[in-house]
Amino acid sequence: MKASATHLRQRPLVSVLLPATFFILLLQSVHQFGLPTFSFNSAPKNTTRTCVQCEPLAPAFNPALSIARFNEAQFIAAASLHLSAAVQTRTESFDEEFHGDEYERVFAPFRRFHSLLQENYPLVHSHLERTIVANYSLLYTWKGSNSSAAPLILMAHIDVVPVLPDTVDQWTHDPFGGTIDTEGGFVWGRGAGDNKANLIGIMEAVEQLLKAGWSQPTRTVYLAFGHDEESFGSGGLALAKHFEEKLRLAGKVGLIVDEGSGHINLLGLPIEAVSVSEKGYVDVDIIVETKGGHSSVPPKHTGIGYSALLIEALESQELEAKVSAENPFIGALRCYAEHAPSPDPFIQWALDNLPASGPLLIEKMEQVLPHSSIIFKTTQAVDVIRGGLKVNALPEKVVTTVNYRISSDSSLQEMEDFYHKALSKVVHQQRLNITIQSFSHPAHGSKSMEWPDAVGKVTISPKLGLEPSPISPFHTSKDPGWSVLEGTIHHIALNESPSNNVIVAPFLMGGNTDTKSYWNLSKSIYRYGAAGGENIHTVDEHVSIADFIKGIKFYHELIRNWSALE
């Protein structure tokens, strides 16, 4: 609203003199020091390069081991058939536990998958030691000639997420048909990308090394395939315990590579993204218990109503996005700033002025890369509500499950503090007793607030709490794990095309892999989707045959490079 002259005359004298005095001082400063300049187009203040790329790392030349043999049509056809057969084996992973006949029905395909691998990879099974762990997970040991040298672990998982029956008719091909589209160049079906292309790629690479006469690596190689990564992760945990307790490998593994990121386009710069960390994870049950009764005489709020108020309180409380220089995505942005032909000057400026520029950087990233703020914050998703049996009976117990993916700059303790802050007002207003169990240390018990006139009880029960993973070393020649991995990625890229000078960059996984159980084994844990995949976890999942073959080349050369490490 525009102020009138009369209104202006009524302002106190000090409100006029202070701005005038400030303006006079500003003019004196300009006269003495000159006008200040601020331009995002000027060179960044920080000229230290943090995304220095290493040289391609190619194994010693051996005609019999040349990866050019994987370009032959006969090999491509045979490998594609093996992947197709793996997709056809319906190794679905469910969140519920099974018993009796139902257990046998669900897990029989896993035994068939074991047999399939034996049939298609005879050399692997005659040269490597196979151990079945936790009934259905697989561990292959390829013993090296130097038992004291740090080993390599290549990971993948056997299971796939289920296909929703209501979506089957939306698939272009049978979701478990393993259709090979030679014209389009794809293998279609559930698990083609997540994660059977990687698993079969690893098996193909080892089989072909053995076939070419490369019968023993210098360093031991382990192939670790969990059976329930998509659900409980018990197979991955059992494998990790096997490594730690039976093989005594805690802190002794030189490099671990699992599924993860891959080729992405970051603001116009193509990069090979390697996830060096994963977000944390926790599911939280909000249990509301109230008095039951007949629906004809309801209270102001039923248990479902109170649950709605609690959910509203959580969703209205902002989970703050934080930006620290340690966040792996900042590492990716630094690669963009250093290697893009024309990087955004604002992003360059923001990177040079962290952490003060953090909020501005988040705002900018949301503009150029929608939804990217979730990389910097803990995400919250209310996913499941259970409560009420009949429309004429008041629900006595309502359980709401909320899923959190915890930011790399946060912790389980911060999540517990968040619940105290978000729910204290509503439980006070509604007179609900509340007990919040410890998020990070279950043995530490719980904290409670109670009211003498309470109308109900709320229990906050965290499940499956997992801190954000440690950040593995990257862009450093001091870590042999990263150096061999990055060098191999460059080597494979140049093998595909001499002009293919890719940028390898760190990244952050929003989800969790079986590596969550492997932290004690190595500091060098990387998640890289060597074989690609499209439409993961949804309709029309498929993988490019070209990417699948490239993945085989990657594992083949990675094993050789690790073996040759001095």
Protein backbone atom coordinates (compact mmCIF):
# COMPACT_ATOMS: atom_id res chain seq x y z
CA MET A 1 0.00 0.00 0.00
CA LYS A 2 1.36 3.41 -0.96
CA ALA A 3 1.78 5.75 2.06
CA SER A 4 0.22 9.22 2.02
CA ALA A 5 2.19 12.44 2.73
CA THR A 6 0.25 12.90 5.97
CA HIS A 7 1.28 9.43 7.08
CA LEU A 8 4.92 10.20 6.32
CA ARG A 9 4.87 13.40 8.40
CA GLN A 10 3.75 11.39 11.43
CA ARG A 11 6.85 9.11 11.39
CA PRO A 12 9.33 9.62 14.32
CA LEU A 13 12.38 11.70 13.46
CA VAL A 14 14.76 8.85 14.29
CA SER A 15 13.20 6.62 11.59
CA VAL A 16 14.17 9.25 9.00
CA LEU A 17 17.62 10.14 10.39
CA LEU A 18 18.92 6.53 10.72
CA PRO A 19 18.52 5.59 7.03
CA ALA A 20 19.95 8.98 6.00
CA THR A 21 22.96 8.52 8.26
CA PHE A 22 23.55 5.01 6.85
CA PHE A 23 23.40 6.39 3.28
CA ILE A 24 25.97 9.11 4.11
CA LEU A 25 28.33 6.52 5.61
CA LEU A 26 27.90 4.34 2.53
CA LEU A 27 28.83 7.26 0.24
CA GLN A 28 31.93 7.95 2.36
CA SER A 29 32.92 4.27 2.07
CA VAL A 30 32.49 4.32 -1.71
CA HIS A 31 34.57 7.54 -1.95
CA GLN A 32 37.36 5.98 0.11
CA PHE A 33 37.38 2.38 -1.17
CA GLY A 34 35.45 2.42 -4.45
CA LEU A 35 32.26 0.55 -5.34
CA PRO A 36 32.07 -3.07 -4.16
CA THR A 37 31.81 -5.62 -6.97
CA PHE A 38 29.96 -8.95 -6.89
CA SER A 39 29.62 -11.09 -9.98
CA PHE A 40 28.87 -14.78 -10.41
CA ASN A 41 30.70 -14.58 -13.73
CA SER A 42 34.04 -13.96 -12.07
CA ALA A 43 36.46 -16.81 -11.47
CA PRO A 44 35.75 -18.95 -8.38
CA LYS A 45 37.68 -17.97 -5.28
CA ASN A 46 38.64 -21.60 -4.65
CA THR A 47 40.95 -22.73 -7.44
CA THR A 48 41.85 -26.07 -5.83
CA ARG A 49 40.67 -28.93 -8.04
CA THR A 50 38.98 -31.69 -6.09
CA CYS A 51 37.67 -33.78 -9.00
CA VAL A 52 40.99 -34.75 -10.56
CA GLN A 53 40.47 -37.81 -12.76
CA CYS A 54 42.94 -40.68 -12.71
CA GLU A 55 44.35 -42.32 -15.83
CA PRO A 56 42.60 -45.31 -17.43
CA LEU A 57 43.80 -48.56 -15.89
CA ALA A 58 44.10 -51.41 -18.38
CA PRO A 59 45.47 -54.85 -17.46
CA ALA A 60 48.61 -56.12 -19.17
CA PHE A 61 47.84 -57.01 -22.78
CA ASN A 62 47.08 -60.66 -23.40
CA PRO A 63 45.36 -61.62 -26.68
CA ALA A 64 43.57 -64.52 -25.02
CA LEU A 65 42.09 -62.16 -22.42
CA SER A 66 41.11 -59.32 -24.74
CA ILE A 67 37.62 -58.03 -23.96
CA ALA A 68 37.11 -57.62 -27.71
CA ARG A 69 35.93 -61.24 -27.64
CA PHE A 70 32.80 -60.08 -25.82
CA ASN A 71 31.77 -58.15 -28.94
CA GLU A 72 31.31 -61.37 -30.94
CA ALA A 73 27.70 -62.11 -31.84
CA GLN A 74 27.93 -65.68 -30.59
CA PHE A 75 29.03 -64.59 -27.12
CA ILE A 76 26.43 -61.82 -26.91
CA ALA A 77 23.67 -64.28 -27.83
CA ALA A 78 24.82 -66.86 -25.28
CA ALA A 79 25.19 -64.32 -22.46
CA SER A 80 21.77 -62.84 -23.25
CA LEU A 81 20.22 -66.32 -23.03
CA HIS A 82 21.82 -66.80 -19.62
CA LEU A 83 20.38 -63.50 -18.40
CA SER A 84 16.99 -64.39 -19.86
CA ALA A 85 16.99 -67.72 -18.01
CA ALA A 86 17.85 -65.91 -14.77
CA VAL A 87 14.92 -63.51 -15.24
CA GLN A 88 12.59 -66.43 -15.93
CA THR A 89 13.48 -67.89 -12.52
CA ARG A 90 10.95 -66.13 -10.30
CA THR A 91 13.01 -65.27 -7.21
CA GLU A 92 10.54 -62.82 -5.69
CA SER A 93 11.25 -61.32 -2.27
CA PHE A 94 8.35 -60.50 0.06
CA ASP A 95 8.16 -58.47 3.26
CA GLU A 96 6.18 -61.08 5.20
CA GLU A 97 7.53 -64.29 6.71
CA PHE A 98 6.35 -67.66 5.42
CA HIS A 99 6.02 -71.12 6.97
CA GLY A 100 5.25 -74.66 5.86
CA ASP A 101 4.02 -75.21 2.31
CA GLU A 102 3.94 -71.49 1.60
CA TYR A 103 7.62 -71.20 2.56
CA GLU A 104 8.49 -74.00 0.12
CA ARG A 105 6.47 -72.34 -2.64
CA VAL A 106 8.20 -68.98 -2.21
CA PHE A 107 11.76 -70.30 -1.91
CA ALA A 108 11.74 -73.20 -4.38
CA PRO A 109 12.72 -70.79 -7.22
CA PHE A 110 15.86 -69.83 -5.29
CA ARG A 111 17.02 -73.46 -5.32
CA ARG A 112 16.28 -73.61 -9.04
CA PHE A 113 18.37 -70.46 -9.47
CA HIS A 114 21.29 -72.17 -7.72
CA SER A 115 20.97 -75.08 -10.14
CA LEU A 116 20.76 -72.71 -13.10
CA LEU A 117 24.07 -71.12 -12.15
CA GLN A 118 25.67 -74.56 -11.83
CA GLU A 119 24.40 -75.52 -15.27
CA ASN A 120 25.45 -72.33 -17.08
CA TYR A 121 28.79 -71.76 -15.34
CA PRO A 122 30.52 -75.13 -15.03
CA LEU A 123 34.05 -73.69 -14.81
CA VAL A 124 33.07 -71.38 -11.95
CA HIS A 125 31.71 -74.34 -10.04
CA SER A 126 34.72 -76.54 -10.70
CA HIS A 127 37.37 -73.92 -9.82
CA LEU A 128 35.73 -71.82 -7.10
CA GLU A 129 34.51 -72.98 -3.71
CA ARG A 130 30.76 -72.50 -3.28
CA THR A 131 29.19 -71.99 0.14
CA ILE A 132 25.44 -71.71 0.73
CA VAL A 133 24.79 -69.18 3.50
CA ALA A 134 21.47 -68.68 5.31
CA ASN A 135 19.86 -71.38 3.12
CA TYR A 136 19.68 -69.38 -0.10
CA SER A 137 22.52 -66.83 -0.29
CA LEU A 138 25.65 -67.82 -2.20
CA LEU A 139 29.34 -67.22 -1.55
CA TYR A 140 31.98 -68.17 -4.13
CA THR A 141 35.64 -68.10 -3.12
CA TRP A 142 38.33 -67.80 -5.80
CA LYS A 143 41.50 -68.26 -3.79
CA GLY A 144 44.44 -66.07 -4.75
CA SER A 145 48.09 -67.09 -4.83
CA ASN A 146 48.91 -64.41 -2.22
CA SER A 147 46.70 -65.16 0.78
CA SER A 148 47.99 -62.13 2.69
CA ALA A 149 46.97 -59.61 0.02
CA ALA A 150 43.72 -57.66 0.54
CA PRO A 151 40.87 -59.46 -1.27
CA LEU A 152 38.10 -58.17 -3.53
CA ILE A 153 34.38 -58.72 -2.90
CA LEU A 154 31.93 -58.44 -5.81
CA MET A 155 28.32 -58.29 -4.64
CA ALA A 156 24.88 -58.72 -6.19
CA HIS A 157 21.52 -60.10 -5.04
CA ILE A 158 19.46 -63.02 -6.26
CA ASP A 159 16.01 -61.74 -5.32
CA VAL A 160 13.71 -59.33 -7.13
CA VAL A 161 10.74 -57.24 -6.02
CA PRO A 162 7.37 -58.85 -6.74
CA VAL A 163 5.21 -57.93 -9.72
CA LEU A 164 1.82 -56.54 -8.67
CA PRO A 165 -0.77 -58.85 -10.26
CA ASP A 166 -2.96 -55.88 -11.25
CA THR A 167 -0.12 -54.47 -13.41
CA VAL A 168 0.74 -57.60 -15.42
CA ASP A 169 -1.37 -56.52 -18.40
CA GLN A 170 0.53 -53.20 -18.50
CA TRP A 171 3.83 -54.91 -19.35
CA THR A 172 4.99 -54.93 -22.95
CA HIS A 173 6.33 -58.45 -22.39
CA ASP A 174 5.70 -61.16 -19.81
CA PRO A 175 7.36 -59.81 -16.61
CA PHE A 176 8.97 -63.22 -16.01
CA GLY A 177 9.39 -64.18 -19.64
CA GLY A 178 12.95 -62.91 -19.99
CA THR A 179 12.14 -61.74 -23.52
CA ILE A 180 15.22 -61.05 -25.66
CA ASP A 181 14.42 -58.22 -28.06
CA THR A 182 17.27 -58.52 -30.55
CA GLU A 183 15.86 -55.76 -32.75
CA GLY A 184 15.61 -53.22 -29.94
CA GLY A 185 18.61 -54.60 -28.07
CA PHE A 186 17.01 -55.34 -24.69
CA VAL A 187 16.30 -58.13 -22.24
CA TRP A 188 12.90 -57.56 -20.63
CA GLY A 189 11.52 -58.68 -17.28
CA ARG A 190 11.51 -58.26 -13.54
CA GLY A 191 15.07 -58.29 -12.23
CA ALA A 192 16.67 -57.76 -15.64
CA GLY A 193 18.18 -54.56 -14.30
CA ASP A 194 17.85 -55.03 -10.54
CA ASN A 195 19.95 -57.01 -10.06
CA LYS A 196 20.39 -60.04 -12.27
CA ALA A 197 22.29 -58.22 -15.03
CA ASN A 198 25.03 -57.49 -12.50
CA LEU A 199 24.96 -60.98 -10.97
CA ILE A 200 25.03 -62.75 -14.34
CA GLY A 201 27.63 -60.23 -15.53
CA ILE A 202 29.93 -61.22 -12.67
CA MET A 203 29.44 -64.94 -13.37
CA GLU A 204 30.08 -64.45 -17.10
CA ALA A 205 33.28 -62.52 -16.40
CA VAL A 206 34.70 -65.22 -14.09
CA GLU A 207 33.65 -68.05 -16.42
CA GLN A 208 35.35 -66.37 -19.37
CA LEU A 209 38.54 -65.71 -17.40
CA LEU A 210 38.71 -69.39 -16.51
CA LYS A 211 37.90 -70.43 -20.06
CA ALA A 212 40.83 -68.31 -21.31
CA GLY A 213 43.20 -70.07 -18.92
CA TRP A 214 43.38 -67.37 -16.24
CA SER A 215 42.83 -69.88 -13.48
CA GLN A 216 44.11 -68.12 -10.36
CA PRO A 217 44.19 -64.46 -9.36
CA THR A 218 46.98 -63.10 -7.20
CA ARG A 219 44.46 -61.73 -4.73
CA THR A 220 41.47 -63.70 -3.51
CA VAL A 221 38.14 -62.78 -5.09
CA TYR A 222 34.81 -63.37 -3.35
CA LEU A 223 31.42 -63.36 -5.09
CA ALA A 224 28.70 -62.65 -2.52
CA PHE A 225 25.07 -62.94 -3.60
CA GLY A 226 22.39 -62.24 -0.98
CA HIS A 227 18.92 -63.74 -1.35
CA ASP A 228 16.67 -61.12 0.29
CA GLU A 229 18.23 -57.70 -0.30
CA GLU A 230 14.83 -56.37 -1.38
CA SER A 231 13.22 -57.28 1.95
CA PHE A 232 14.93 -58.27 5.22
CA GLY A 233 18.58 -58.31 4.14
CA SER A 234 19.17 -61.37 6.32
CA GLY A 235 21.24 -63.02 3.60
CA GLY A 236 23.55 -60.04 3.30
CA LEU A 237 23.90 -59.93 7.07
CA ALA A 238 24.70 -63.64 7.25
CA LEU A 239 27.32 -63.27 4.50
CA ALA A 240 28.91 -60.34 6.32
CA LYS A 241 29.05 -62.35 9.55
CA HIS A 242 30.62 -65.22 7.63
CA PHE A 243 33.33 -62.87 6.35
CA GLU A 244 33.93 -61.43 9.81
CA GLU A 245 33.64 -64.46 12.07
CA LYS A 246 34.67 -67.45 9.95
CA LEU A 247 37.09 -65.85 7.50
CA ARG A 248 38.42 -63.21 9.94
CA LEU A 249 38.31 -60.46 7.30
CA ALA A 250 37.14 -57.49 9.41
CA GLY A 251 39.06 -54.45 8.19
CA LYS A 252 41.09 -56.54 5.74
CA VAL A 253 39.08 -56.34 2.50
CA GLY A 254 40.63 -53.96 -0.02
CA LEU A 255 37.62 -53.26 -2.24
CA ILE A 256 33.89 -54.03 -2.18
CA VAL A 257 31.70 -53.31 -5.21
CA ASP A 258 27.91 -53.70 -5.16
CA GLU A 259 24.99 -52.46 -7.24
CA GLY A 260 24.31 -48.74 -7.26
CA SER A 261 24.59 -45.64 -9.36
CA GLY A 262 25.88 -45.53 -12.92
CA HIS A 263 25.72 -43.36 -15.99
CA ILE A 264 23.73 -40.17 -15.35
CA ASN A 265 23.46 -36.69 -16.81
CA LEU A 266 24.23 -34.05 -14.19
CA LEU A 267 23.11 -30.63 -15.43
CA GLY A 268 24.29 -31.48 -18.93
CA LEU A 269 27.53 -33.19 -17.90
CA PRO A 270 27.56 -36.98 -18.48
CA ILE A 271 29.15 -38.68 -15.49
CA GLU A 272 29.74 -42.18 -14.20
CA ALA A 273 28.33 -41.87 -10.68
CA VAL A 274 29.77 -44.11 -7.98
CA SER A 275 27.87 -44.02 -4.69
CA VAL A 276 30.34 -43.69 -1.85
CA SER A 277 27.69 -43.61 0.86
CA GLU A 278 24.07 -44.45 1.59
CA LYS A 279 21.41 -42.60 3.54
CA GLY A 280 20.37 -43.99 6.88
CA TYR A 281 17.06 -45.75 7.38
CA VAL A 282 14.37 -46.23 9.98
CA ASP A 283 10.73 -47.32 10.01
CA VAL A 284 8.68 -45.88 12.85
CA ASP A 285 5.45 -47.38 14.15
CA ILE A 286 3.08 -44.86 15.72
CA ILE A 287 0.83 -47.00 17.92
CA VAL A 288 -2.34 -45.33 19.23
CA GLU A 289 -4.37 -47.23 21.83
CA THR A 290 -7.76 -45.92 22.94
CA LYS A 291 -10.89 -47.27 24.58
CA GLY A 292 -13.19 -49.24 22.32
CA GLY A 293 -16.95 -49.16 22.19
CA HIS A 294 -19.92 -48.85 19.89
CA SER A 295 -19.74 -46.41 16.99
CA SER A 296 -23.11 -44.92 17.94
CA VAL A 297 -21.49 -43.20 20.96
CA PRO A 298 -18.11 -42.03 19.65
CA PRO A 299 -15.72 -39.68 21.42
CA LYS A 300 -14.47 -36.51 19.71
CA HIS A 301 -11.61 -38.49 18.16
CA THR A 302 -11.27 -42.21 17.64
CA GLY A 303 -7.85 -43.82 17.55
CA ILE A 304 -7.80 -43.18 13.82
CA GLY A 305 -8.63 -39.52 14.43
CA TYR A 306 -5.79 -39.18 16.92
CA SER A 307 -3.49 -40.90 14.43
CA ALA A 308 -4.48 -38.34 11.82
CA LEU A 309 -3.58 -35.50 14.20
CA LEU A 310 -0.19 -37.08 14.92
CA ILE A 311 0.49 -37.55 11.21
CA GLU A 312 -0.47 -33.93 10.54
CA ALA A 313 1.92 -32.80 13.28
CA LEU A 314 4.77 -34.78 11.73
CA GLU A 315 4.14 -33.59 8.19
CA SER A 316 3.82 -29.94 9.22
CA GLN A 317 7.18 -30.04 11.02
CA GLU A 318 9.86 -29.33 8.42
CA LEU A 319 12.75 -31.75 8.16
CA GLU A 320 15.54 -29.31 7.48
CA ALA A 321 17.78 -29.73 4.46
CA LYS A 322 21.45 -29.39 5.35
CA VAL A 323 24.43 -28.87 3.08
CA SER A 324 27.89 -29.81 4.20
CA ALA A 325 31.05 -30.08 2.17
CA GLU A 326 31.20 -33.78 3.13
CA ASN A 327 27.92 -34.67 1.40
CA PRO A 328 28.89 -36.91 -1.57
CA PHE A 329 26.52 -35.00 -3.86
CA ILE A 330 28.61 -31.88 -3.24
CA GLY A 331 31.51 -33.93 -4.61
CA ALA A 332 29.46 -34.62 -7.74
CA LEU A 333 28.65 -30.91 -8.11
CA ARG A 334 32.33 -30.05 -7.79
CA CYS A 335 33.01 -32.43 -10.68
CA TYR A 336 30.34 -30.58 -12.66
CA ALA A 337 31.88 -27.20 -11.78
CA GLU A 338 35.36 -28.35 -12.79
CA HIS A 339 34.57 -30.37 -15.92
CA ALA A 340 31.39 -29.01 -17.52
CA PRO A 341 32.08 -26.89 -20.64
CA SER A 342 30.05 -23.97 -19.25
CA PRO A 343 29.22 -24.55 -15.59
CA ASP A 344 26.62 -22.38 -13.91
CA PRO A 345 28.58 -19.54 -12.23
CA PHE A 346 26.11 -19.38 -9.34
CA ILE A 347 26.72 -23.05 -8.51
CA GLN A 348 30.47 -22.41 -8.68
CA TRP A 349 30.10 -19.49 -6.28
CA ALA A 350 27.88 -21.49 -3.91
CA LEU A 351 30.34 -24.38 -3.80
CA ASP A 352 33.15 -21.99 -2.91
CA ASN A 353 31.16 -20.43 -0.07
CA LEU A 354 29.82 -23.45 1.80
CA PRO A 355 28.35 -23.88 4.32
CA ALA A 356 27.00 -20.30 4.41
CA SER A 357 25.69 -20.58 0.85
CA GLY A 358 23.95 -23.91 1.53
CA PRO A 359 20.32 -22.66 1.55
CA LEU A 360 20.89 -20.71 -1.67
CA LEU A 361 22.47 -23.75 -3.32
CA ILE A 362 19.48 -25.93 -2.39
CA GLU A 363 17.10 -23.31 -3.82
CA LYS A 364 19.12 -23.15 -7.03
CA MET A 365 19.30 -26.93 -7.39
CA GLU A 366 15.53 -27.22 -7.00
CA GLN A 367 15.16 -24.85 -9.95
CA VAL A 368 17.55 -26.68 -12.28
CA LEU A 369 17.05 -30.22 -10.93
CA PRO A 370 13.53 -30.58 -9.44
CA HIS A 371 13.25 -32.64 -6.23
CA SER A 372 17.03 -32.60 -5.74
CA SER A 373 16.60 -31.14 -2.24
CA ILE A 374 15.80 -34.67 -1.01
CA ILE A 375 19.51 -35.44 -1.46
CA PHE A 376 20.26 -32.98 1.34
CA LYS A 377 17.48 -33.88 3.74
CA THR A 378 15.84 -36.73 5.59
CA THR A 379 12.73 -37.86 3.73
CA GLN A 380 9.50 -38.80 5.48
CA ALA A 381 6.78 -41.01 3.98
CA VAL A 382 3.62 -42.18 5.78
CA ASP A 383 3.19 -45.53 4.06
CA VAL A 384 0.95 -47.88 6.04
CA ILE A 385 -2.04 -47.47 8.40
CA ARG A 386 -3.68 -50.44 10.12
CA GLY A 387 -6.65 -50.13 12.47
CA GLY A 388 -10.34 -50.82 12.85
CA LEU A 389 -12.18 -54.08 12.15
CA LYS A 390 -15.85 -53.07 11.74
CA VAL A 391 -17.72 -49.88 10.96
CA ASN A 392 -19.80 -50.19 14.14
CA ALA A 393 -16.86 -50.73 16.51
CA LEU A 394 -14.44 -48.05 17.68
CA PRO A 395 -10.84 -49.02 16.87
CA GLU A 396 -8.87 -49.92 20.00
CA LYS A 397 -5.45 -50.01 18.35
CA VAL A 398 -4.21 -48.12 15.29
CA VAL A 399 -0.70 -48.54 13.90
CA THR A 400 0.80 -46.09 11.40
CA THR A 401 4.18 -46.88 9.85
CA VAL A 402 6.34 -44.01 8.63
CA ASN A 403 9.49 -44.54 6.57
CA TYR A 404 12.56 -42.30 6.85
CA ARG A 405 15.68 -42.14 4.68
CA ILE A 406 18.11 -40.30 6.92
CA SER A 407 20.33 -37.60 5.47
CA SER A 408 24.08 -38.20 5.45
CA ASP A 409 24.32 -35.14 7.72
CA SER A 410 21.79 -36.41 10.25
CA SER A 411 21.46 -39.37 12.63
CA LEU A 412 19.02 -41.66 14.42
CA GLN A 413 19.34 -39.47 17.51
CA GLU A 414 18.22 -36.43 15.50
CA MET A 415 15.19 -38.44 14.37
CA GLU A 416 14.31 -39.18 17.99
CA ASP A 417 14.65 -35.47 18.83
CA PHE A 418 12.43 -34.66 15.86
CA TYR A 419 9.64 -36.82 17.26
CA HIS A 420 9.85 -35.16 20.68
CA LYS A 421 9.59 -31.73 19.07
CA ALA A 422 6.90 -32.58 16.51
CA LEU A 423 4.47 -34.45 18.77
CA SER A 424 4.79 -32.80 22.20
CA LYS A 425 2.16 -30.12 21.47
CA VAL A 426 -0.54 -32.40 20.07
CA VAL A 427 -0.23 -35.05 22.81
CA HIS A 428 -0.44 -32.27 25.41
CA GLN A 429 -3.51 -30.72 23.79
CA GLN A 430 -5.27 -34.05 23.30
CA ARG A 431 -4.20 -35.51 26.65
CA LEU A 432 -2.47 -38.55 25.20
CA ASN A 433 0.18 -40.38 27.15
CA ILE A 434 3.25 -40.91 24.99
CA THR A 435 6.27 -43.20 25.15
CA ILE A 436 9.12 -42.67 22.67
CA GLN A 437 11.47 -45.62 22.48
CA SER A 438 15.17 -45.00 21.80
CA PHE A 439 15.97 -44.75 18.10
CA SER A 440 19.71 -45.32 18.29
CA HIS A 441 20.20 -47.47 21.41
CA PRO A 442 17.26 -49.82 22.19
CA ALA A 443 18.94 -50.79 25.46
CA HIS A 444 18.63 -47.19 26.62
CA GLY A 445 14.89 -47.68 27.11
CA SER A 446 12.38 -44.93 26.42
CA LYS A 447 11.11 -41.51 27.43
CA SER A 448 7.52 -40.90 28.50
CA MET A 449 5.03 -38.10 29.18
CA GLU A 450 1.84 -38.93 31.04
CA TRP A 451 -1.33 -37.07 32.04
CA PRO A 452 -3.68 -38.04 34.92
CA ASP A 453 -6.71 -37.49 32.68
CA ALA A 454 -5.26 -39.21 29.60
CA VAL A 455 -7.72 -40.45 26.95
CA GLY A 456 -5.29 -42.79 25.28
CA LYS A 457 -1.75 -43.97 24.85
CA VAL A 458 0.76 -43.34 22.06
CA THR A 459 3.87 -45.45 21.59
CA ILE A 460 6.60 -44.44 19.14
CA SER A 461 8.43 -47.62 18.18
CA PRO A 462 11.38 -47.37 15.73
CA LYS A 463 12.32 -50.49 13.72
CA LEU A 464 15.30 -51.39 11.55
CA GLY A 465 17.26 -48.30 12.60
CA LEU A 466 20.36 -47.73 10.47
CA GLU A 467 22.71 -44.77 10.68
CA PRO A 468 23.92 -43.13 7.43
CA SER A 469 26.82 -45.18 6.11
CA PRO A 470 30.44 -44.09 6.41
CA ILE A 471 31.68 -42.16 3.37
CA SER A 472 34.24 -44.16 1.41
CA PRO A 473 37.36 -42.42 0.05
CA PHE A 474 37.10 -40.90 -3.42
CA HIS A 475 39.30 -38.96 -5.83
CA THR A 476 42.42 -39.98 -3.98
CA SER A 477 45.38 -42.02 -5.19
CA LYS A 478 46.03 -42.99 -1.57
CA ASP A 479 43.14 -45.46 -1.61
CA PRO A 480 43.85 -48.42 -3.93
CA GLY A 481 40.19 -49.42 -3.91
CA TRP A 482 39.01 -46.15 -5.42
CA SER A 483 42.01 -45.90 -7.77
CA VAL A 484 41.45 -49.36 -9.27
CA LEU A 485 37.70 -48.84 -9.54
CA GLU A 486 37.91 -45.40 -11.17
CA GLY A 487 40.77 -46.44 -13.46
CA THR A 488 38.79 -49.48 -14.64
CA ILE A 489 35.71 -47.35 -15.37
CA HIS A 490 37.84 -45.02 -17.53
CA HIS A 491 39.42 -48.01 -19.28
CA ILE A 492 36.04 -49.55 -20.18
CA ALA A 493 34.71 -46.18 -21.38
CA LEU A 494 37.66 -45.66 -23.71
CA ASN A 495 37.34 -49.23 -24.92
CA GLU A 496 33.78 -48.46 -26.02
CA SER A 497 34.88 -45.29 -27.83
CA PRO A 498 38.31 -43.58 -28.00
CA SER A 499 36.57 -40.21 -27.58
CA ASN A 500 34.59 -41.35 -24.55
CA ASN A 501 36.40 -39.35 -21.87
CA VAL A 502 33.99 -39.89 -18.98
CA ILE A 503 34.00 -38.09 -15.64
CA VAL A 504 33.82 -40.39 -12.61
CA ALA A 505 32.10 -38.67 -9.69
CA PRO A 506 31.00 -39.58 -6.16
CA PHE A 507 27.30 -39.91 -5.44
CA LEU A 508 24.88 -40.67 -2.61
CA MET A 509 22.47 -43.63 -2.57
CA GLY A 510 19.00 -42.81 -1.28
CA GLY A 511 18.22 -46.50 -0.77
CA ASN A 512 20.16 -49.20 1.01
CA THR A 513 21.96 -52.23 -0.40
CA ASP A 514 23.40 -55.28 1.33
CA THR A 515 26.56 -53.23 1.87
CA LYS A 516 24.85 -51.92 5.01
CA SER A 517 26.05 -55.11 6.70
CA TYR A 518 29.61 -54.90 5.32
CA TRP A 519 30.89 -51.71 6.99
CA ASN A 520 33.26 -53.61 9.29
CA LEU A 521 35.01 -55.32 6.38
CA SER A 522 36.44 -52.34 4.52
CA LYS A 523 36.52 -48.57 4.30
CA SER A 524 36.43 -48.85 0.48
CA ILE A 525 32.81 -49.79 -0.29
CA TYR A 526 31.37 -48.60 -3.60
CA ARG A 527 28.00 -48.96 -5.27
CA TYR A 528 28.17 -48.88 -9.05
CA GLY A 529 25.62 -50.21 -11.54
CA ALA A 530 28.02 -51.52 -14.15
CA ALA A 531 25.32 -53.27 -16.20
CA GLY A 532 22.66 -50.55 -16.20
CA GLY A 533 18.89 -51.11 -16.13
CA GLU A 534 15.68 -49.20 -16.82
CA ASN A 535 12.28 -49.01 -15.06
CA ILE A 536 13.66 -50.55 -11.91
CA HIS A 537 10.91 -51.77 -9.51
CA THR A 538 8.12 -50.88 -11.93
CA VAL A 539 6.33 -51.92 -15.11
CA ASP A 540 8.48 -52.83 -18.13
CA GLU A 541 11.78 -53.30 -16.34
CA HIS A 542 14.51 -54.04 -18.89
CA VAL A 543 18.22 -53.77 -19.53
CA SER A 544 20.15 -52.80 -22.62
CA ILE A 545 22.09 -55.76 -23.99
CA ALA A 546 24.93 -53.36 -24.86
CA ASP A 547 25.08 -52.16 -21.23
CA PHE A 548 24.90 -55.73 -19.98
CA ILE A 549 27.90 -56.70 -22.14
CA LYS A 550 29.75 -53.58 -20.99
CA GLY A 551 29.11 -54.71 -17.41
CA ILE A 552 30.72 -58.09 -18.16
CA LYS A 553 33.77 -56.28 -19.53
CA PHE A 554 33.93 -54.11 -16.42
CA TYR A 555 33.93 -57.04 -13.98
CA HIS A 556 36.42 -58.96 -16.14
CA GLU A 557 38.90 -56.07 -16.13
CA LEU A 558 38.29 -55.09 -12.51
CA ILE A 559 39.23 -58.59 -11.35
CA ARG A 560 42.42 -58.50 -13.44
CA ASN A 561 43.34 -54.99 -12.31
CA TRP A 562 42.84 -55.84 -8.66
CA SER A 563 44.92 -58.99 -9.05
CA ALA A 564 47.78 -56.99 -10.58
CA LEU A 565 47.80 -54.40 -7.79
CA GLU A 566 51.20 -54.19 -6.12
